[in-house]
Amino acid sequence: MPDHRSLNLTPGESLYLKDPYSTSSSDHIKVTFADLLLKKAIKAETTKEKSFFWTRKEIKVSRGESFSKIDFKIHERIILDHISSYPKKVGDVARDLHATLKTSQRFCDLFLRDPLTKKGYLRIEDGRYSSKYVLTVKGLDAHDRIEYLLYQAKNMKQWAAEDPARAKAYILVCGANILLLSPERLEVIKKLGKELEHVQANANSYYDYYWYDYTWRHHLFEDLELGQDFDLDFIDFSLPEFDVLDSFDSIGSSLDGGLGGNGGDGGGDGGGGGD
């Protein structure tokens, strides 16, 4: 296969580069949490708590099968550091995480912005009264690719009907970054899952790069002793995997509660702009 490069960006990193000015910092934590569910680093289970007067569903999370198999990035590791081997309520995990971070804005600043700056996506620009973080040429290129791929999602229904291989290639290229789509478009993709599950697709026919951080898939298949010529497209980003997100609205609400609201809890340094 051609040596197509990958942007190697997680949903949390992509969301930051898409909108460095965003103050909804808890959203970065939520998409990272959802990504870790997809990577099977976190396992979720729904339990029922009963009393004489009511029955309440409770979502608990624990370490998943890939928890120790992947070299996670720092913004993923800070969340996984709060995941236990035994089931724990999502709200309790969020409160523990909040106690560590103090504000969810620190998650963006310390674990997304600063590492992305070291990788050349951002730089510090001195102003007259203060400095700020702005996107570099590399950051702007990633930003534009992210916006382009998210925009293409509007074509999924048409592609699924007229060119299923292209629809599947879109999934392969985006991977877990599909989490950045609007709820409506993500729902469309989930519904198309069974149609596309067995479609053979070669992403190289449609794209010359990958968006998601695909290296974790290699780690899951290390036992197969894959050669350097292994084609990533054979590692099927199977759409039914998104079924694990069916309960994520509840998980997201629990995270919001434990983190002290829906973002907006810290100013940060801002960002954006260009060279």
C-alpha atoms as a PDB file:
ATOM      1  CA  MET A   1       0.000   0.000   0.000  1.00  0.00           C
ATOM      2  CA  PRO A   2       1.234   3.563  -0.593  1.00  0.00           C
ATOM      3  CA  ASP A   3       2.757   5.194   2.471  1.00  0.00           C
ATOM      4  CA  HIS A   4      -0.183   7.464   3.135  1.00  0.00           C
ATOM      5  CA  ARG A   5       0.421   9.757   6.036  1.00  0.00           C
ATOM      6  CA  SER A   6      -1.916  10.083   8.953  1.00  0.00           C
ATOM      7  CA  LEU A   7      -2.775  13.268  10.754  1.00  0.00           C
ATOM      8  CA  ASN A   8      -2.662  10.982  13.796  1.00  0.00           C
ATOM      9  CA  LEU A   9      -5.179  13.103  15.662  1.00  0.00           C
ATOM     10  CA  THR A  10      -7.609  11.914  18.298  1.00  0.00           C
ATOM     11  CA  PRO A  11     -11.105  13.409  18.591  1.00  0.00           C
ATOM     12  CA  GLY A  12      -9.942  15.552  21.520  1.00  0.00           C
ATOM     13  CA  GLU A  13      -7.007  16.954  19.556  1.00  0.00           C
ATOM     14  CA  SER A  14      -9.136  17.429  16.450  1.00  0.00           C
ATOM     15  CA  LEU A  15     -11.826  19.292  18.364  1.00  0.00           C
ATOM     16  CA  TYR A  16      -9.195  21.629  19.795  1.00  0.00           C
ATOM     17  CA  LEU A  17      -7.653  22.352  16.380  1.00  0.00           C
ATOM     18  CA  LYS A  18     -11.098  22.773  14.836  1.00  0.00           C
ATOM     19  CA  ASP A  19     -11.995  25.520  17.292  1.00  0.00           C
ATOM     20  CA  PRO A  20      -9.136  26.702  19.526  1.00  0.00           C
ATOM     21  CA  TYR A  21     -11.338  29.544  20.787  1.00  0.00           C
ATOM     22  CA  SER A  22     -13.983  27.212  22.228  1.00  0.00           C
ATOM     23  CA  THR A  23     -14.864  27.691  25.881  1.00  0.00           C
ATOM     24  CA  SER A  24     -16.863  24.435  26.095  1.00  0.00           C
ATOM     25  CA  SER A  25     -13.855  22.656  27.501  1.00  0.00           C
ATOM     26  CA  SER A  26     -15.806  19.722  28.903  1.00  0.00           C
ATOM     27  CA  ASP A  27     -16.673  18.729  25.313  1.00  0.00           C
ATOM     28  CA  HIS A  28     -13.010  17.800  24.780  1.00  0.00           C
ATOM     29  CA  ILE A  29     -13.185  15.487  27.773  1.00  0.00           C
ATOM     30  CA  LYS A  30     -16.437  13.929  26.570  1.00  0.00           C
ATOM     31  CA  VAL A  31     -15.218  13.133  23.056  1.00  0.00           C
ATOM     32  CA  THR A  32     -11.988  11.728  24.496  1.00  0.00           C
ATOM     33  CA  PHE A  33     -14.035   9.566  26.865  1.00  0.00           C
ATOM     34  CA  ALA A  34     -16.170   8.350  23.948  1.00  0.00           C
ATOM     35  CA  ASP A  35     -13.045   7.608  21.904  1.00  0.00           C
ATOM     36  CA  LEU A  36     -11.665   5.526  24.773  1.00  0.00           C
ATOM     37  CA  LEU A  37     -14.928   3.576  24.793  1.00  0.00           C
ATOM     38  CA  LEU A  38     -14.486   2.856  21.083  1.00  0.00           C
ATOM     39  CA  LYS A  39     -10.877   1.852  21.645  1.00  0.00           C
ATOM     40  CA  LYS A  40     -12.135  -0.530  24.333  1.00  0.00           C
ATOM     41  CA  ALA A  41      -9.816   1.048  26.875  1.00  0.00           C
ATOM     42  CA  ILE A  42     -12.947   1.789  28.901  1.00  0.00           C
ATOM     43  CA  LYS A  43     -15.820  -0.643  29.324  1.00  0.00           C
ATOM     44  CA  ALA A  44     -19.325   0.611  30.135  1.00  0.00           C
ATOM     45  CA  GLU A  45     -22.173  -1.336  31.674  1.00  0.00           C
ATOM     46  CA  THR A  46     -25.687  -0.333  32.641  1.00  0.00           C
ATOM     47  CA  THR A  47     -27.034  -1.435  35.993  1.00  0.00           C
ATOM     48  CA  LYS A  48     -30.354  -0.849  37.732  1.00  0.00           C
ATOM     49  CA  GLU A  49     -30.704   0.548  41.191  1.00  0.00           C
ATOM     50  CA  LYS A  50     -34.037  -0.107  42.839  1.00  0.00           C
ATOM     51  CA  SER A  51     -35.863   1.178  45.862  1.00  0.00           C
ATOM     52  CA  PHE A  52     -39.435   0.694  46.982  1.00  0.00           C
ATOM     53  CA  PHE A  53     -40.517   3.803  45.047  1.00  0.00           C
ATOM     54  CA  TRP A  54     -38.248   3.955  41.993  1.00  0.00           C
ATOM     55  CA  THR A  55     -35.934   2.159  39.595  1.00  0.00           C
ATOM     56  CA  ARG A  56     -32.956   4.053  38.224  1.00  0.00           C
ATOM     57  CA  LYS A  57     -30.478   3.105  35.518  1.00  0.00           C
ATOM     58  CA  GLU A  58     -26.863   3.690  36.439  1.00  0.00           C
ATOM     59  CA  ILE A  59     -23.912   3.561  34.021  1.00  0.00           C
ATOM     60  CA  LYS A  60     -20.667   2.281  35.439  1.00  0.00           C
ATOM     61  CA  VAL A  61     -17.276   2.120  33.762  1.00  0.00           C
ATOM     62  CA  SER A  62     -14.146   0.078  34.308  1.00  0.00           C
ATOM     63  CA  ARG A  63     -10.928  -0.824  32.493  1.00  0.00           C
ATOM     64  CA  GLY A  64     -11.456  -2.398  29.085  1.00  0.00           C
ATOM     65  CA  GLU A  65      -9.512  -5.071  27.255  1.00  0.00           C
ATOM     66  CA  SER A  66      -7.105  -2.638  25.583  1.00  0.00           C
ATOM     67  CA  PHE A  67      -6.426  -0.583  28.728  1.00  0.00           C
ATOM     68  CA  SER A  68      -2.831  -1.817  28.974  1.00  0.00           C
ATOM     69  CA  LYS A  69      -2.210  -2.588  25.287  1.00  0.00           C
ATOM     70  CA  ILE A  70      -1.992   0.904  23.812  1.00  0.00           C
ATOM     71  CA  ASP A  71       0.521   3.706  24.148  1.00  0.00           C
ATOM     72  CA  PHE A  72      -2.051   6.369  24.941  1.00  0.00           C
ATOM     73  CA  LYS A  73      -1.488  10.079  24.552  1.00  0.00           C
ATOM     74  CA  ILE A  74      -1.264  12.271  27.626  1.00  0.00           C
ATOM     75  CA  HIS A  75      -4.832  13.619  27.352  1.00  0.00           C
ATOM     76  CA  GLU A  76      -6.122  10.054  27.193  1.00  0.00           C
ATOM     77  CA  ARG A  77      -3.936   8.854  30.025  1.00  0.00           C
ATOM     78  CA  ILE A  78      -5.153  11.524  32.467  1.00  0.00           C
ATOM     79  CA  ILE A  79      -8.682  10.139  32.046  1.00  0.00           C
ATOM     80  CA  LEU A  80      -7.584   6.504  32.207  1.00  0.00           C
ATOM     81  CA  ASP A  81      -5.707   7.231  35.426  1.00  0.00           C
ATOM     82  CA  HIS A  82      -9.150   7.629  37.005  1.00  0.00           C
ATOM     83  CA  ILE A  83     -10.613   4.382  35.632  1.00  0.00           C
ATOM     84  CA  SER A  84     -10.559   1.479  38.048  1.00  0.00           C
ATOM     85  CA  SER A  85     -10.441  -2.249  37.424  1.00  0.00           C
ATOM     86  CA  TYR A  86     -13.823  -2.490  39.175  1.00  0.00           C
ATOM     87  CA  PRO A  87     -17.038  -0.798  37.919  1.00  0.00           C
ATOM     88  CA  LYS A  88     -17.419   2.789  39.055  1.00  0.00           C
ATOM     89  CA  LYS A  89     -20.204   5.300  38.427  1.00  0.00           C
ATOM     90  CA  VAL A  90     -19.425   7.725  35.615  1.00  0.00           C
ATOM     91  CA  GLY A  91     -20.347  10.651  37.828  1.00  0.00           C
ATOM     92  CA  ASP A  92     -17.844   9.507  40.444  1.00  0.00           C
ATOM     93  CA  VAL A  93     -15.117   9.205  37.792  1.00  0.00           C
ATOM     94  CA  ALA A  94     -15.919  12.731  36.593  1.00  0.00           C
ATOM     95  CA  ARG A  95     -15.788  14.115  40.129  1.00  0.00           C
ATOM     96  CA  ASP A  96     -12.422  12.460  40.730  1.00  0.00           C
ATOM     97  CA  LEU A  97     -11.157  13.877  37.447  1.00  0.00           C
ATOM     98  CA  HIS A  98     -12.450  17.323  38.362  1.00  0.00           C
ATOM     99  CA  ALA A  99     -10.689  17.108  41.712  1.00  0.00           C
ATOM    100  CA  THR A 100      -7.436  16.455  39.856  1.00  0.00           C
ATOM    101  CA  LEU A 101      -7.893  19.066  37.127  1.00  0.00           C
ATOM    102  CA  LYS A 102      -9.710  21.710  39.238  1.00  0.00           C
ATOM    103  CA  THR A 103     -11.275  23.007  35.973  1.00  0.00           C
ATOM    104  CA  SER A 104     -11.909  21.239  32.688  1.00  0.00           C
ATOM    105  CA  GLN A 105     -10.154  24.140  30.942  1.00  0.00           C
ATOM    106  CA  ARG A 106      -6.905  22.842  32.425  1.00  0.00           C
ATOM    107  CA  PHE A 107      -7.519  19.608  30.517  1.00  0.00           C
ATOM    108  CA  CYS A 108      -7.458  21.624  27.278  1.00  0.00           C
ATOM    109  CA  ASP A 109      -4.512  23.796  28.284  1.00  0.00           C
ATOM    110  CA  LEU A 110      -2.175  21.214  29.800  1.00  0.00           C
ATOM    111  CA  PHE A 111      -3.090  18.050  27.928  1.00  0.00           C
ATOM    112  CA  LEU A 112      -4.176  19.305  24.483  1.00  0.00           C
ATOM    113  CA  ARG A 113      -2.869  22.805  23.784  1.00  0.00           C
ATOM    114  CA  ASP A 114       0.615  22.370  25.234  1.00  0.00           C
ATOM    115  CA  PRO A 115       1.360  18.987  23.536  1.00  0.00           C
ATOM    116  CA  LEU A 116      -0.063  20.279  20.234  1.00  0.00           C
ATOM    117  CA  THR A 117       2.219  23.316  20.555  1.00  0.00           C
ATOM    118  CA  LYS A 118       5.239  21.040  20.999  1.00  0.00           C
ATOM    119  CA  LYS A 119       4.181  19.161  17.855  1.00  0.00           C
ATOM    120  CA  GLY A 120       4.112  22.392  15.849  1.00  0.00           C
ATOM    121  CA  TYR A 121       0.362  22.902  15.462  1.00  0.00           C
ATOM    122  CA  LEU A 122       0.309  26.047  17.585  1.00  0.00           C
ATOM    123  CA  ARG A 123       2.713  28.800  18.499  1.00  0.00           C
ATOM    124  CA  ILE A 124       2.749  31.637  20.992  1.00  0.00           C
ATOM    125  CA  GLU A 125       2.222  35.051  19.460  1.00  0.00           C
ATOM    126  CA  ASP A 126       3.231  38.071  21.505  1.00  0.00           C
ATOM    127  CA  GLY A 127       0.722  40.875  21.550  1.00  0.00           C
ATOM    128  CA  ARG A 128       0.949  44.398  22.837  1.00  0.00           C
ATOM    129  CA  TYR A 129      -0.517  43.542  26.208  1.00  0.00           C
ATOM    130  CA  SER A 130      -0.457  39.758  26.335  1.00  0.00           C
ATOM    131  CA  SER A 131       0.515  36.680  24.379  1.00  0.00           C
ATOM    132  CA  LYS A 132      -1.830  34.142  22.836  1.00  0.00           C
ATOM    133  CA  TYR A 133      -1.722  30.802  21.087  1.00  0.00           C
ATOM    134  CA  VAL A 134      -2.391  30.769  17.347  1.00  0.00           C
ATOM    135  CA  LEU A 135      -2.442  28.043  14.719  1.00  0.00           C
ATOM    136  CA  THR A 136       0.745  27.600  12.703  1.00  0.00           C
ATOM    137  CA  VAL A 137       0.816  26.685   9.014  1.00  0.00           C
ATOM    138  CA  LYS A 138       0.771  23.033  10.110  1.00  0.00           C
ATOM    139  CA  GLY A 139      -2.144  23.755  12.438  1.00  0.00           C
ATOM    140  CA  LEU A 140      -4.092  25.581   9.746  1.00  0.00           C
ATOM    141  CA  ASP A 141      -3.541  22.705   7.335  1.00  0.00           C
ATOM    142  CA  ALA A 142      -4.905  20.234   9.903  1.00  0.00           C
ATOM    143  CA  HIS A 143      -7.804  22.601  10.688  1.00  0.00           C
ATOM    144  CA  ASP A 144      -8.765  22.848   7.015  1.00  0.00           C
ATOM    145  CA  ARG A 145      -8.580  19.070   6.519  1.00  0.00           C
ATOM    146  CA  ILE A 146     -10.743  18.514   9.596  1.00  0.00           C
ATOM    147  CA  GLU A 147     -13.378  20.999   8.393  1.00  0.00           C
ATOM    148  CA  TYR A 148     -13.334  19.456   4.904  1.00  0.00           C
ATOM    149  CA  LEU A 149     -13.849  15.915   6.181  1.00  0.00           C
ATOM    150  CA  LEU A 150     -16.621  16.968   8.549  1.00  0.00           C
ATOM    151  CA  TYR A 151     -18.312  18.810   5.675  1.00  0.00           C
ATOM    152  CA  GLN A 152     -18.163  15.691   3.514  1.00  0.00           C
ATOM    153  CA  ALA A 153     -20.368  13.803   5.967  1.00  0.00           C
ATOM    154  CA  LYS A 154     -23.398  15.419   4.334  1.00  0.00           C
ATOM    155  CA  ASN A 155     -22.813  13.093   1.374  1.00  0.00           C
ATOM    156  CA  MET A 156     -23.003   9.850   3.327  1.00  0.00           C
ATOM    157  CA  LYS A 157     -26.580   8.911   2.405  1.00  0.00           C
ATOM    158  CA  GLN A 158     -25.907   9.509  -1.266  1.00  0.00           C
ATOM    159  CA  TRP A 159     -22.599   7.619  -1.168  1.00  0.00           C
ATOM    160  CA  ALA A 160     -24.158   4.688   0.685  1.00  0.00           C
ATOM    161  CA  ALA A 161     -26.759   4.406  -2.076  1.00  0.00           C
ATOM    162  CA  GLU A 162     -24.576   5.102  -5.125  1.00  0.00           C
ATOM    163  CA  ASP A 163     -21.017   4.262  -4.089  1.00  0.00           C
ATOM    164  CA  PRO A 164     -20.922   2.221  -0.839  1.00  0.00           C
ATOM    165  CA  ALA A 165     -17.143   1.768  -1.094  1.00  0.00           C
ATOM    166  CA  ARG A 166     -16.685   5.527  -0.888  1.00  0.00           C
ATOM    167  CA  ALA A 167     -18.966   5.722   2.142  1.00  0.00           C
ATOM    168  CA  LYS A 168     -16.945   2.987   3.842  1.00  0.00           C
ATOM    169  CA  ALA A 169     -13.675   4.698   2.849  1.00  0.00           C
ATOM    170  CA  TYR A 170     -14.881   7.846   4.595  1.00  0.00           C
ATOM    171  CA  ILE A 171     -15.326   5.856   7.792  1.00  0.00           C
ATOM    172  CA  LEU A 172     -11.885   4.299   7.444  1.00  0.00           C
ATOM    173  CA  VAL A 173     -10.223   7.662   6.976  1.00  0.00           C
ATOM    174  CA  CYS A 174     -12.078   9.431   9.787  1.00  0.00           C
ATOM    175  CA  GLY A 175     -12.141   6.644  12.355  1.00  0.00           C
ATOM    176  CA  ALA A 176     -13.194   7.792  15.811  1.00  0.00           C
ATOM    177  CA  ASN A 177     -13.060  11.443  14.719  1.00  0.00           C
ATOM    178  CA  ILE A 178     -16.572  10.860  13.424  1.00  0.00           C
ATOM    179  CA  LEU A 179     -17.458  11.700  17.014  1.00  0.00           C
ATOM    180  CA  LEU A 180     -17.038  15.359  16.039  1.00  0.00           C
ATOM    181  CA  LEU A 181     -20.009  15.198  13.690  1.00  0.00           C
ATOM    182  CA  SER A 182     -23.331  16.679  14.712  1.00  0.00           C
ATOM    183  CA  PRO A 183     -25.594  14.225  16.564  1.00  0.00           C
ATOM    184  CA  GLU A 184     -27.861  14.073  13.501  1.00  0.00           C
ATOM    185  CA  ARG A 185     -25.062  13.103  11.104  1.00  0.00           C
ATOM    186  CA  LEU A 186     -23.539  10.669  13.559  1.00  0.00           C
ATOM    187  CA  GLU A 187     -26.934   9.009  13.870  1.00  0.00           C
ATOM    188  CA  VAL A 188     -27.106   8.665  10.075  1.00  0.00           C
ATOM    189  CA  ILE A 189     -23.749   6.915  10.036  1.00  0.00           C
ATOM    190  CA  LYS A 190     -24.772   4.583  12.845  1.00  0.00           C
ATOM    191  CA  LYS A 191     -27.935   3.660  10.923  1.00  0.00           C
ATOM    192  CA  LEU A 192     -25.901   2.975   7.804  1.00  0.00           C
ATOM    193  CA  GLY A 193     -23.652   0.651   9.764  1.00  0.00           C
ATOM    194  CA  LYS A 194     -25.316  -2.624   8.868  1.00  0.00           C
ATOM    195  CA  GLU A 195     -25.411  -1.679   5.177  1.00  0.00           C
ATOM    196  CA  LEU A 196     -21.701  -0.885   5.085  1.00  0.00           C
ATOM    197  CA  GLU A 197     -20.426  -3.513   7.491  1.00  0.00           C
ATOM    198  CA  HIS A 198     -19.434  -6.016   4.791  1.00  0.00           C
ATOM    199  CA  VAL A 199     -18.593  -3.542   2.025  1.00  0.00           C
ATOM    200  CA  GLN A 200     -15.022  -3.918   0.763  1.00  0.00           C
ATOM    201  CA  ALA A 201     -13.365  -0.525   0.554  1.00  0.00           C
ATOM    202  CA  ASN A 202      -9.946   0.842  -0.271  1.00  0.00           C
ATOM    203  CA  ALA A 203      -9.570   4.245   1.314  1.00  0.00           C
ATOM    204  CA  ASN A 204      -6.528   4.904  -0.863  1.00  0.00           C
ATOM    205  CA  SER A 205      -8.813   5.190  -3.876  1.00  0.00           C
ATOM    206  CA  TYR A 206     -10.469   8.257  -2.393  1.00  0.00           C
ATOM    207  CA  TYR A 207      -8.014   9.825   0.072  1.00  0.00           C
ATOM    208  CA  ASP A 208      -4.243  10.209   0.307  1.00  0.00           C
ATOM    209  CA  TYR A 209      -4.139  10.512   4.089  1.00  0.00           C
ATOM    210  CA  TYR A 210      -5.799   9.214   7.249  1.00  0.00           C
ATOM    211  CA  TRP A 211      -7.254  11.467   9.913  1.00  0.00           C
ATOM    212  CA  TYR A 212      -7.474   9.321  13.025  1.00  0.00           C
ATOM    213  CA  ASP A 213      -4.661   8.032  15.225  1.00  0.00           C
ATOM    214  CA  TYR A 214      -4.713   4.566  13.713  1.00  0.00           C
ATOM    215  CA  THR A 215      -1.670   3.188  15.525  1.00  0.00           C
ATOM    216  CA  TRP A 216      -3.837   1.794  18.304  1.00  0.00           C
ATOM    217  CA  ARG A 217      -5.258  -0.696  15.825  1.00  0.00           C
ATOM    218  CA  HIS A 218      -1.780  -2.055  15.212  1.00  0.00           C
ATOM    219  CA  HIS A 219      -1.350  -2.608  18.943  1.00  0.00           C
ATOM    220  CA  LEU A 220      -4.558  -4.634  19.073  1.00  0.00           C
ATOM    221  CA  PHE A 221      -3.209  -6.894  16.318  1.00  0.00           C
ATOM    222  CA  GLU A 222       0.382  -7.262  17.525  1.00  0.00           C
ATOM    223  CA  ASP A 223      -0.125 -10.993  18.086  1.00  0.00           C
ATOM    224  CA  LEU A 224      -0.635 -11.406  14.341  1.00  0.00           C
ATOM    225  CA  GLU A 225       2.958 -10.294  13.654  1.00  0.00           C
ATOM    226  CA  LEU A 226       1.871  -7.946  10.910  1.00  0.00           C
ATOM    227  CA  GLY A 227       4.452  -6.950   8.328  1.00  0.00           C
ATOM    228  CA  GLN A 228       5.228  -3.408   7.250  1.00  0.00           C
ATOM    229  CA  ASP A 229       3.191  -3.917   4.091  1.00  0.00           C
ATOM    230  CA  PHE A 230       0.021  -4.580   6.078  1.00  0.00           C
ATOM    231  CA  ASP A 231      -2.892  -2.690   4.573  1.00  0.00           C
ATOM    232  CA  LEU A 232      -4.753  -0.629   7.168  1.00  0.00           C
ATOM    233  CA  ASP A 233      -7.955  -1.025   5.206  1.00  0.00           C
ATOM    234  CA  PHE A 234      -8.108  -4.666   6.234  1.00  0.00           C
ATOM    235  CA  ILE A 235      -8.419  -3.500   9.822  1.00  0.00           C
ATOM    236  CA  ASP A 236     -12.105  -2.854   9.525  1.00  0.00           C
ATOM    237  CA  PHE A 237     -13.407   0.126  11.465  1.00  0.00           C
ATOM    238  CA  SER A 238     -16.645  -1.775  11.815  1.00  0.00           C
ATOM    239  CA  LEU A 239     -19.568   0.591  12.187  1.00  0.00           C
ATOM    240  CA  PRO A 240     -21.441  -1.625  14.663  1.00  0.00           C
ATOM    241  CA  GLU A 241     -18.701  -0.625  17.123  1.00  0.00           C
ATOM    242  CA  PHE A 242     -20.577   2.638  17.432  1.00  0.00           C
ATOM    243  CA  ASP A 243     -23.350   0.752  19.221  1.00  0.00           C
ATOM    244  CA  VAL A 244     -21.320   1.273  22.386  1.00  0.00           C
ATOM    245  CA  LEU A 245     -22.197   4.969  22.135  1.00  0.00           C
ATOM    246  CA  ASP A 246     -25.951   4.384  22.332  1.00  0.00           C
ATOM    247  CA  SER A 247     -25.854   5.216  26.022  1.00  0.00           C
ATOM    248  CA  PHE A 248     -23.313   8.003  25.690  1.00  0.00           C
ATOM    249  CA  ASP A 249     -25.894  10.765  26.148  1.00  0.00           C
ATOM    250  CA  SER A 250     -26.354   9.456  29.666  1.00  0.00           C
ATOM    251  CA  ILE A 251     -22.597   9.147  30.132  1.00  0.00           C
ATOM    252  CA  GLY A 252     -22.106  12.689  28.819  1.00  0.00           C
ATOM    253  CA  SER A 253     -24.684  14.041  31.238  1.00  0.00           C
ATOM    254  CA  SER A 254     -22.994  12.261  34.131  1.00  0.00           C
ATOM    255  CA  LEU A 255     -19.631  13.671  33.064  1.00  0.00           C
ATOM    256  CA  ASP A 256     -21.104  17.158  32.875  1.00  0.00           C
ATOM    257  CA  GLY A 257     -22.501  16.826  36.366  1.00  0.00           C
ATOM    258  CA  GLY A 258     -19.243  15.572  37.829  1.00  0.00           C
ATOM    259  CA  LEU A 259     -17.172  18.182  36.005  1.00  0.00           C
ATOM    260  CA  GLY A 260     -19.299  20.980  37.361  1.00  0.00           C
ATOM    261  CA  GLY A 261     -21.354  21.934  34.332  1.00  0.00           C
ATOM    262  CA  ASN A 262     -21.000  22.194  30.584  1.00  0.00           C
ATOM    263  CA  GLY A 263     -17.523  23.655  30.124  1.00  0.00           C
ATOM    264  CA  GLY A 264     -17.099  27.393  30.580  1.00  0.00           C
ATOM    265  CA  ASP A 265     -15.187  26.924  33.822  1.00  0.00           C
ATOM    266  CA  GLY A 266     -11.971  28.524  32.835  1.00  0.00           C
ATOM    267  CA  GLY A 267     -10.843  31.213  30.482  1.00  0.00           C
ATOM    268  CA  GLY A 268      -7.690  29.649  29.068  1.00  0.00           C
ATOM    269  CA  ASP A 269      -5.408  31.532  26.720  1.00  0.00           C
ATOM    270  CA  GLY A 270      -7.560  31.293  23.654  1.00  0.00           C
ATOM    271  CA  GLY A 271      -6.093  30.389  20.295  1.00  0.00           C
ATOM    272  CA  GLY A 272      -6.788  30.320  16.626  1.00  0.00           C
ATOM    273  CA  GLY A 273      -5.713  32.641  13.914  1.00  0.00           C
ATOM    274  CA  GLY A 274      -2.853  31.905  11.582  1.00  0.00           C
ATOM    275  CA  ASP A 275       0.621  32.742  10.577  1.00  0.00           C
END
